[in-house]
Amino acid sequence: MRRRKKTSIARSLLLCNPSLSKRAIARTLGISRASLYHRSLQSEKDEKLLVDILRTLDEHPHYGHRRVALVLQAGKDRVRRVMRRYGIKPKRRRARQKYKKLKTHSAIPNRIKGMTVTAPNQVWAGDFTELSYRGLTVYLATVIDLYTREVLGASVGLRHSADLVVSTLGDAKKKRNGITPMVFHSDQGSEYESGVCAAWLYTNHVLPSRSGRAHPWENGRQESFFASFKRELINLSSLPTLEDAIAAIHHHIHYYNTRRIHTALKMPPRSFYERWKNTLMLLPAPCSHEKQLSTPV
């Protein structure tokens, strides 16, 4: 074993148990006792960064090294190295995803395939997921703005129904002060194919769009949100009542929108939307069309 590694092991032992004898540890590992007193500048910097990393993970326990680096405004490679050195890992819960098998193809095409979303409220996407609470299946329906990644609407119920979808769309409309998107995209679930959902979209002048059968990647941002949401959500069955579980779901969605850094945006979705609005206000107002002067013949 290399001497540097032995020294590192000895320091780790002393850090865990300061009462150990330095002389005994040095003799056992075959290194100089004086080497235990030497501290490199890099180690001191790493320990300072370690304190900042642990403080960040205390507030955001599911952050990986990229988000931690964004919070601390440090290099992601350095943060990853320190986290690996001290064996620090974010909390993760593996979530199993279930995809519905559909018997028929939808007549509605995928209108967002190849489309580049350039502003809020161009495309909203909706989807369902299943959560478990003490033997009960809880259904969560959400609507996400594909540009800002913000969850605009969320509804929880014990049945996945068209009414739950319409309720979620209504929440999203309120969040955007009555504005509705040009396109609403979803999978081919029966709730989205229902007449109730179609009537809401028609009344609000929204074009429906559907992913292809067994093509979950065509609604990728919703799928990605649910994957991270399930990993980071606390164990709902540990909560005393169903009401507490529902409150925890909405609390985590609020955290996702307002505080959790989105790696693609480099900031939380709500902050990204507010920055977009502020930038829009700084743009010059469009000039009014001047009346063309014409000389009489």
Protein backbone atom coordinates (compact mmCIF):
# COMPACT_ATOMS: atom_id res chain seq x y z
CA MET A 1 0.00 0.00 0.00
CA ARG A 2 1.37 3.43 -0.92
CA ARG A 3 2.49 5.70 1.90
CA ARG A 4 0.13 8.51 0.90
CA LYS A 5 -2.84 6.16 1.09
CA LYS A 6 -1.69 4.85 4.48
CA THR A 7 -1.44 8.42 5.75
CA SER A 8 -4.92 9.18 4.46
CA ILE A 9 -6.29 6.10 6.26
CA ALA A 10 -4.58 7.11 9.48
CA ARG A 11 -6.03 10.62 9.33
CA SER A 12 -9.49 9.20 8.69
CA LEU A 13 -9.17 6.96 11.74
CA LEU A 14 -8.12 9.91 13.89
CA LEU A 15 -10.96 12.02 12.51
CA CYS A 16 -13.50 9.35 13.46
CA ASN A 17 -11.92 8.65 16.86
CA PRO A 18 -9.61 11.41 18.17
CA SER A 19 -8.87 9.37 21.30
CA LEU A 20 -6.75 6.88 19.34
CA SER A 21 -2.98 7.01 19.81
CA LYS A 22 -1.13 8.59 16.90
CA ARG A 23 2.00 6.63 17.80
CA ALA A 24 0.16 3.29 17.73
CA ILE A 25 -1.58 4.03 14.41
CA ALA A 26 1.70 5.16 12.79
CA ARG A 27 3.53 2.04 14.02
CA THR A 28 0.74 -0.27 12.81
CA LEU A 29 0.64 1.26 9.31
CA GLY A 30 4.41 1.64 9.08
CA ILE A 31 4.50 5.39 8.55
CA SER A 32 6.11 8.32 10.27
CA ARG A 33 4.19 9.84 13.18
CA ALA A 34 5.19 13.31 11.91
CA SER A 35 3.28 12.70 8.67
CA LEU A 36 0.04 12.72 10.66
CA TYR A 37 0.58 16.36 11.56
CA HIS A 38 1.21 17.51 8.00
CA ARG A 39 -1.81 19.00 6.27
CA SER A 40 -1.86 19.95 2.61
CA LEU A 41 -3.52 23.16 1.45
CA GLN A 42 -5.72 21.14 -0.91
CA SER A 43 -7.06 19.04 1.98
CA GLU A 44 -7.98 22.18 3.90
CA LYS A 45 -9.80 23.57 0.84
CA ASP A 46 -11.63 20.27 0.37
CA GLU A 47 -12.76 20.22 3.98
CA LYS A 48 -14.12 23.75 3.69
CA LEU A 49 -15.98 22.76 0.54
CA LEU A 50 -17.21 19.63 2.31
CA VAL A 51 -18.90 21.78 4.97
CA ASP A 52 -20.65 23.83 2.25
CA ILE A 53 -21.73 20.66 0.43
CA LEU A 54 -23.20 19.13 3.58
CA ARG A 55 -25.03 22.39 4.35
CA THR A 56 -26.51 22.42 0.82
CA LEU A 57 -27.56 18.76 1.02
CA ASP A 58 -29.17 19.39 4.38
CA GLU A 59 -31.57 21.79 2.61
CA HIS A 60 -31.75 19.91 -0.71
CA PRO A 61 -31.05 16.24 0.15
CA HIS A 62 -31.68 14.97 -3.40
CA TYR A 63 -29.22 17.26 -5.20
CA GLY A 64 -26.45 15.63 -7.21
CA HIS A 65 -23.04 17.20 -7.76
CA ARG A 66 -24.23 19.39 -10.67
CA ARG A 67 -26.96 21.15 -8.67
CA VAL A 68 -24.71 21.45 -5.61
CA ALA A 69 -22.09 23.10 -7.82
CA LEU A 70 -24.69 25.57 -9.12
CA VAL A 71 -25.73 26.50 -5.58
CA LEU A 72 -22.14 26.95 -4.38
CA GLN A 73 -20.97 28.50 -7.68
CA ALA A 74 -18.11 26.02 -7.72
CA GLY A 75 -16.72 23.73 -10.40
CA LYS A 76 -18.84 20.62 -10.82
CA ASP A 77 -15.75 18.39 -11.24
CA ARG A 78 -14.31 19.63 -7.95
CA VAL A 79 -17.63 19.12 -6.14
CA ARG A 80 -17.93 15.62 -7.59
CA ARG A 81 -14.36 14.78 -6.49
CA VAL A 82 -14.98 15.93 -2.90
CA MET A 83 -18.32 14.10 -2.72
CA ARG A 84 -16.68 10.91 -3.96
CA ARG A 85 -13.72 11.33 -1.62
CA TYR A 86 -15.94 11.50 1.44
CA GLY A 87 -18.54 9.04 0.16
CA ILE A 88 -21.38 11.57 -0.02
CA LYS A 89 -24.37 10.59 -2.14
CA PRO A 90 -27.76 12.26 -2.59
CA LYS A 91 -30.84 10.45 -1.38
CA ARG A 92 -32.32 8.30 -4.11
CA ARG A 93 -35.36 6.05 -4.25
CA ARG A 94 -35.71 3.85 -7.31
CA ALA A 95 -39.17 4.16 -8.81
CA ARG A 96 -40.80 1.61 -11.06
CA GLN A 97 -42.67 3.04 -14.00
CA LYS A 98 -45.78 1.47 -15.43
CA TYR A 99 -46.89 2.06 -18.99
CA LYS A 100 -50.43 1.41 -20.12
CA LYS A 101 -51.03 -0.96 -23.01
CA LEU A 102 -53.44 0.60 -25.45
CA LYS A 103 -55.52 -1.41 -27.88
CA THR A 104 -56.16 1.27 -30.48
CA HIS A 105 -54.29 4.16 -32.01
CA SER A 106 -55.51 7.70 -31.46
CA ALA A 107 -56.81 9.67 -34.42
CA ILE A 108 -55.12 12.79 -33.01
CA PRO A 109 -51.56 13.29 -34.31
CA ASN A 110 -48.43 14.26 -32.43
CA ARG A 111 -48.44 17.99 -33.20
CA ILE A 112 -45.26 18.78 -31.25
CA LYS A 113 -42.99 16.27 -33.00
CA GLY A 114 -40.05 18.26 -34.35
CA MET A 115 -41.46 21.45 -32.87
CA THR A 116 -39.17 23.91 -31.03
CA VAL A 117 -40.91 25.56 -28.08
CA THR A 118 -39.68 29.16 -27.79
CA ALA A 119 -41.97 30.77 -25.18
CA PRO A 120 -44.31 29.95 -22.29
CA ASN A 121 -47.88 28.83 -23.03
CA GLN A 122 -47.07 27.47 -26.47
CA VAL A 123 -47.30 23.82 -25.37
CA TRP A 124 -48.56 22.31 -22.14
CA ALA A 125 -48.16 18.60 -21.45
CA GLY A 126 -50.23 16.40 -19.16
CA ASP A 127 -49.81 12.96 -17.63
CA PHE A 128 -50.80 10.65 -14.76
CA THR A 129 -48.70 8.70 -12.30
CA GLU A 130 -49.50 6.28 -9.47
CA LEU A 131 -48.33 6.69 -5.86
CA SER A 132 -48.85 4.27 -2.99
CA TYR A 133 -50.14 5.12 0.48
CA ARG A 134 -50.66 2.23 2.92
CA GLY A 135 -52.17 -0.10 0.35
CA LEU A 136 -54.14 2.65 -1.43
CA THR A 137 -53.29 3.76 -4.95
CA VAL A 138 -53.18 7.54 -5.20
CA TYR A 139 -53.27 9.12 -8.67
CA LEU A 140 -51.44 12.35 -9.43
CA ALA A 141 -52.28 14.29 -12.60
CA THR A 142 -50.07 17.20 -13.64
CA VAL A 143 -49.79 19.81 -16.38
CA ILE A 144 -46.33 21.16 -17.26
CA ASP A 145 -45.34 24.10 -19.45
CA LEU A 146 -42.77 22.61 -21.81
CA TYR A 147 -40.82 25.88 -22.06
CA THR A 148 -40.47 26.77 -18.38
CA ARG A 149 -40.77 23.18 -17.02
CA GLU A 150 -43.05 24.56 -14.32
CA VAL A 151 -45.85 22.35 -12.97
CA LEU A 152 -48.83 24.62 -13.59
CA GLY A 153 -51.56 22.29 -12.36
CA ALA A 154 -51.67 19.26 -10.07
CA SER A 155 -54.62 17.21 -8.85
CA VAL A 156 -54.64 14.16 -6.56
CA GLY A 157 -57.41 11.56 -6.41
CA LEU A 158 -58.16 7.92 -5.69
CA ARG A 159 -59.52 7.41 -9.24
CA HIS A 160 -57.89 8.37 -12.52
CA SER A 161 -60.69 10.04 -14.38
CA ALA A 162 -61.37 12.70 -16.99
CA ASP A 163 -62.65 14.99 -14.24
CA LEU A 164 -59.20 14.87 -12.60
CA VAL A 165 -57.63 15.91 -15.93
CA VAL A 166 -60.04 18.82 -16.39
CA SER A 167 -59.46 19.94 -12.80
CA THR A 168 -55.71 19.97 -13.45
CA LEU A 169 -56.14 21.96 -16.66
CA GLY A 170 -58.32 24.44 -14.77
CA ASP A 171 -55.60 24.90 -12.14
CA ALA A 172 -53.03 25.53 -14.86
CA LYS A 173 -55.28 28.13 -16.50
CA LYS A 174 -55.67 29.97 -13.18
CA LYS A 175 -51.91 29.87 -12.62
CA ARG A 176 -51.39 31.64 -15.94
CA ASN A 177 -54.16 34.20 -15.27
CA GLY A 178 -56.65 32.76 -17.73
CA ILE A 179 -54.17 32.14 -20.55
CA THR A 180 -54.34 28.75 -22.27
CA PRO A 181 -51.76 27.16 -24.59
CA MET A 182 -51.86 26.69 -28.33
CA VAL A 183 -51.32 22.91 -27.92
CA PHE A 184 -51.98 20.45 -25.12
CA HIS A 185 -49.94 17.25 -25.43
CA SER A 186 -50.55 13.93 -23.64
CA ASP A 187 -50.44 10.18 -24.12
CA GLN A 188 -53.36 8.11 -25.44
CA GLY A 189 -54.91 7.49 -22.03
CA SER A 190 -58.69 7.15 -21.94
CA GLU A 191 -58.92 10.24 -19.68
CA TYR A 192 -57.34 12.41 -22.37
CA GLU A 193 -59.38 10.81 -25.15
CA SER A 194 -62.63 11.42 -23.27
CA GLY A 195 -65.34 13.78 -24.43
CA VAL A 196 -65.04 15.83 -21.22
CA CYS A 197 -61.38 16.61 -21.92
CA ALA A 198 -62.06 17.25 -25.62
CA ALA A 199 -64.86 19.68 -24.72
CA TRP A 200 -62.57 21.65 -22.35
CA LEU A 201 -59.87 21.93 -25.02
CA TYR A 202 -62.40 22.99 -27.68
CA THR A 203 -63.99 25.59 -25.41
CA ASN A 204 -60.59 27.07 -24.59
CA HIS A 205 -59.37 27.02 -28.22
CA VAL A 206 -56.57 24.52 -27.54
CA LEU A 207 -55.36 21.99 -30.10
CA PRO A 208 -54.94 18.43 -28.73
CA SER A 209 -51.78 16.44 -29.42
CA ARG A 210 -51.01 12.79 -28.63
CA SER A 211 -47.90 10.68 -28.24
CA GLY A 212 -47.72 7.54 -30.34
CA ARG A 213 -48.87 4.25 -28.87
CA ALA A 214 -46.24 2.84 -26.45
CA HIS A 215 -44.00 5.88 -27.12
CA PRO A 216 -43.53 7.41 -23.64
CA TRP A 217 -40.44 9.33 -24.80
CA GLU A 218 -42.71 11.51 -26.94
CA ASN A 219 -43.95 12.99 -23.66
CA GLY A 220 -40.43 12.97 -22.28
CA ARG A 221 -40.50 16.01 -20.02
CA GLN A 222 -43.53 14.74 -18.12
CA GLU A 223 -41.92 11.30 -17.81
CA SER A 224 -38.66 12.88 -16.63
CA PHE A 225 -40.50 14.97 -14.04
CA PHE A 226 -42.34 11.97 -12.61
CA ALA A 227 -39.13 9.91 -12.47
CA SER A 228 -37.30 12.52 -10.36
CA PHE A 229 -40.45 13.35 -8.38
CA LYS A 230 -40.85 9.73 -7.23
CA ARG A 231 -37.16 9.41 -6.38
CA GLU A 232 -37.17 12.52 -4.21
CA LEU A 233 -40.63 12.30 -2.61
CA ILE A 234 -40.66 11.03 0.96
CA ASN A 235 -42.22 7.66 1.77
CA LEU A 236 -45.91 8.62 1.91
CA SER A 237 -46.81 5.57 4.00
CA SER A 238 -44.76 7.01 6.87
CA LEU A 239 -47.29 9.84 7.23
CA PRO A 240 -50.21 9.40 9.66
CA THR A 241 -53.13 10.33 7.38
CA LEU A 242 -54.03 10.45 3.71
CA GLU A 243 -54.51 14.22 4.03
CA ASP A 244 -50.89 14.52 5.21
CA ALA A 245 -49.74 12.46 2.22
CA ILE A 246 -51.64 14.70 -0.22
CA ALA A 247 -50.19 17.79 1.48
CA ALA A 248 -46.68 16.30 1.12
CA ILE A 249 -47.26 15.79 -2.62
CA HIS A 250 -48.29 19.41 -3.13
CA HIS A 251 -45.46 20.64 -0.90
CA HIS A 252 -42.88 18.80 -3.01
CA ILE A 253 -44.37 20.20 -6.23
CA HIS A 254 -44.08 23.71 -4.74
CA TYR A 255 -40.46 22.94 -3.81
CA TYR A 256 -39.79 21.74 -7.38
CA ASN A 257 -41.28 24.91 -8.88
CA THR A 258 -39.74 27.50 -6.56
CA ARG A 259 -36.55 26.16 -4.98
CA ARG A 260 -35.19 23.07 -6.75
CA ILE A 261 -32.63 23.92 -9.43
CA HIS A 262 -33.49 22.45 -12.83
CA THR A 263 -30.25 21.41 -14.51
CA ALA A 264 -31.39 22.48 -17.99
CA LEU A 265 -32.50 25.92 -16.74
CA LYS A 266 -29.73 26.43 -14.11
CA MET A 267 -32.45 27.73 -11.78
CA PRO A 268 -35.92 26.77 -10.48
CA PRO A 269 -38.73 26.81 -13.11
CA ARG A 270 -40.62 29.69 -11.44
CA SER A 271 -37.48 31.85 -11.42
CA PHE A 272 -36.94 31.05 -15.10
CA TYR A 273 -40.49 32.16 -15.94
CA GLU A 274 -40.13 35.37 -13.92
CA ARG A 275 -36.85 36.16 -15.66
CA TRP A 276 -38.52 35.60 -19.03
CA LYS A 277 -41.33 38.05 -18.07
CA ASN A 278 -38.84 40.67 -16.87
CA THR A 279 -36.84 40.35 -20.08
CA LEU A 280 -40.01 40.76 -22.12
CA MET A 281 -40.84 43.98 -20.27
CA LEU A 282 -37.44 45.45 -21.18
CA LEU A 283 -38.05 45.01 -24.90
CA PRO A 284 -39.19 48.15 -26.75
CA ALA A 285 -42.91 48.40 -27.45
CA PRO A 286 -43.87 47.77 -31.07
CA CYS A 287 -44.37 50.95 -33.08
CA SER A 288 -47.91 51.75 -34.11
CA HIS A 289 -48.62 51.77 -37.81
CA GLU A 290 -48.48 55.28 -39.11
CA LYS A 291 -51.15 56.44 -41.49
CA GLN A 292 -49.91 56.54 -45.02
CA LEU A 293 -50.22 59.97 -46.57
CA SER A 294 -51.47 60.00 -50.10
CA THR A 295 -51.61 63.00 -52.44
CA PRO A 296 -54.98 63.50 -54.20
CA VAL A 297 -54.96 63.01 -57.91
